[in-house]
Amino acid sequence: MVKRGLTGLAAWVVQRAGAIYMLCFAIFAVAAVTVHPRHSYAEWKAWVSSDAMSAGIGLFLLALLTHMWVGLRDVLLDYVKPEGVRRVSLLLLGMALLSVGMWALQILVHAHT
């Protein structure tokens, strides 16, 4: 049987690289807010809607969603034994993560308007 998608070492690397990026971004965001606090909605919106921050947040969300996919997929593959239930669970998980990603993208796009 040929495995498709993100499995084995590739999945491990994607999950770890995403975790490292999320940690670095979280440290950056906390430092940025500590050094230059935003006191109004307009300041927050200007900061988040800047091209660099939007790209950083977008990458953070992509890393978060792929990290969640790899981790939760592995849990489902390990603990859900009936093949039909496993396939439906994976499909629902994929649809949920895709929905969250689309919602987050909509928020980022809306921040630019």
Protein backbone atom coordinates (compact mmCIF):
# COMPACT_ATOMS: atom_id res chain seq x y z
CA MET A 1 0.00 0.00 0.00
CA VAL A 2 1.35 3.42 -0.99
CA LYS A 3 1.01 6.12 1.63
CA ARG A 4 -0.11 9.51 0.43
CA GLY A 5 0.13 12.90 2.02
CA LEU A 6 2.06 14.00 5.03
CA THR A 7 3.36 10.91 6.80
CA GLY A 8 6.44 9.72 8.64
CA LEU A 9 9.47 11.97 8.76
CA ALA A 10 7.86 14.64 6.55
CA ALA A 11 4.92 14.99 8.95
CA TRP A 12 7.30 15.12 11.90
CA VAL A 13 9.41 17.86 10.27
CA VAL A 14 6.34 19.91 9.31
CA GLN A 15 4.94 19.66 12.83
CA ARG A 16 8.23 20.57 14.52
CA ALA A 17 9.01 23.43 12.10
CA GLY A 18 5.51 24.78 12.65
CA ALA A 19 5.94 24.55 16.42
CA ILE A 20 9.23 26.45 16.23
CA TYR A 21 7.68 29.16 14.05
CA MET A 22 4.67 29.49 16.38
CA LEU A 23 6.97 29.81 19.41
CA CYS A 24 9.12 32.46 17.72
CA PHE A 25 6.07 34.39 16.53
CA ALA A 26 4.47 34.26 19.98
CA ILE A 27 7.68 35.58 21.57
CA PHE A 28 7.85 38.34 18.94
CA ALA A 29 4.18 39.30 19.45
CA VAL A 30 4.49 39.44 23.24
CA ALA A 31 7.70 41.48 22.97
CA ALA A 32 6.14 43.86 20.43
CA VAL A 33 3.08 44.44 22.60
CA THR A 34 5.25 44.87 25.70
CA VAL A 35 7.60 47.36 24.07
CA HIS A 36 4.88 49.29 22.24
CA PRO A 37 1.45 48.75 23.82
CA ARG A 38 -1.56 49.40 21.63
CA HIS A 39 -4.17 51.42 23.53
CA SER A 40 -6.95 51.73 21.00
CA TYR A 41 -8.78 49.62 18.46
CA ALA A 42 -7.35 51.80 15.66
CA GLU A 43 -3.79 51.09 16.81
CA TRP A 44 -4.46 47.34 16.99
CA LYS A 45 -6.11 47.31 13.58
CA ALA A 46 -3.26 49.29 12.01
CA TRP A 47 -0.71 46.89 13.49
CA VAL A 48 -2.55 43.72 12.48
CA SER A 49 -3.43 45.00 9.02
CA SER A 50 0.15 45.88 8.10
CA ASP A 51 1.47 43.63 5.35
CA ALA A 52 4.26 42.14 7.48
CA MET A 53 1.99 41.32 10.43
CA SER A 54 -0.74 39.92 8.18
CA ALA A 55 1.82 37.65 6.54
CA GLY A 56 3.20 36.63 9.94
CA ILE A 57 -0.26 35.94 11.32
CA GLY A 58 -1.20 34.04 8.17
CA LEU A 59 1.90 31.86 8.49
CA PHE A 60 1.15 31.36 12.18
CA LEU A 61 -2.35 30.16 11.36
CA LEU A 62 -1.07 27.87 8.60
CA ALA A 63 1.52 26.43 10.99
CA LEU A 64 -1.14 26.00 13.67
CA LEU A 65 -3.58 24.25 11.34
CA THR A 66 -0.95 21.88 9.91
CA HIS A 67 0.33 21.19 13.44
CA MET A 68 -3.21 20.36 14.53
CA TRP A 69 -3.82 18.19 11.46
CA VAL A 70 -0.70 16.08 11.97
CA GLY A 71 -1.27 15.65 15.71
CA LEU A 72 -4.98 14.94 15.63
CA ARG A 73 -4.66 12.73 12.55
CA ASP A 74 -2.08 10.60 14.35
CA VAL A 75 -4.35 10.31 17.39
CA LEU A 76 -7.26 9.22 15.19
CA LEU A 77 -5.09 6.74 13.29
CA ASP A 78 -3.80 5.26 16.56
CA TYR A 79 -7.05 5.03 18.52
CA VAL A 80 -9.96 4.80 16.06
CA LYS A 81 -9.82 1.24 14.79
CA PRO A 82 -12.96 0.73 12.63
CA GLU A 83 -11.93 1.87 9.12
CA GLY A 84 -15.25 3.55 8.32
CA VAL A 85 -15.35 5.53 11.56
CA ARG A 86 -11.70 6.50 11.07
CA ARG A 87 -12.34 7.79 7.53
CA VAL A 88 -15.38 9.80 8.62
CA SER A 89 -13.47 11.18 11.61
CA LEU A 90 -10.56 12.24 9.39
CA LEU A 91 -12.96 13.81 6.90
CA LEU A 92 -14.74 15.77 9.65
CA LEU A 93 -11.43 16.85 11.13
CA GLY A 94 -10.20 18.03 7.73
CA MET A 95 -13.41 19.91 7.07
CA ALA A 96 -13.31 21.55 10.50
CA LEU A 97 -9.69 22.66 10.10
CA LEU A 98 -10.38 23.92 6.58
CA SER A 99 -13.38 25.88 7.88
CA VAL A 100 -11.32 27.44 10.64
CA GLY A 101 -8.61 28.33 8.12
CA MET A 102 -11.11 29.95 5.75
CA TRP A 103 -12.66 31.89 8.64
CA ALA A 104 -9.23 33.12 9.78
CA LEU A 105 -8.33 34.13 6.21
CA GLN A 106 -11.58 36.06 5.97
CA ILE A 107 -10.71 37.91 9.18
CA LEU A 108 -7.23 38.79 7.87
CA VAL A 109 -8.63 40.02 4.56
CA HIS A 110 -11.31 42.02 6.35
CA ALA A 111 -8.63 43.67 8.52
CA HIS A 112 -7.17 45.24 5.37
CA THR A 113 -10.42 46.99 4.48
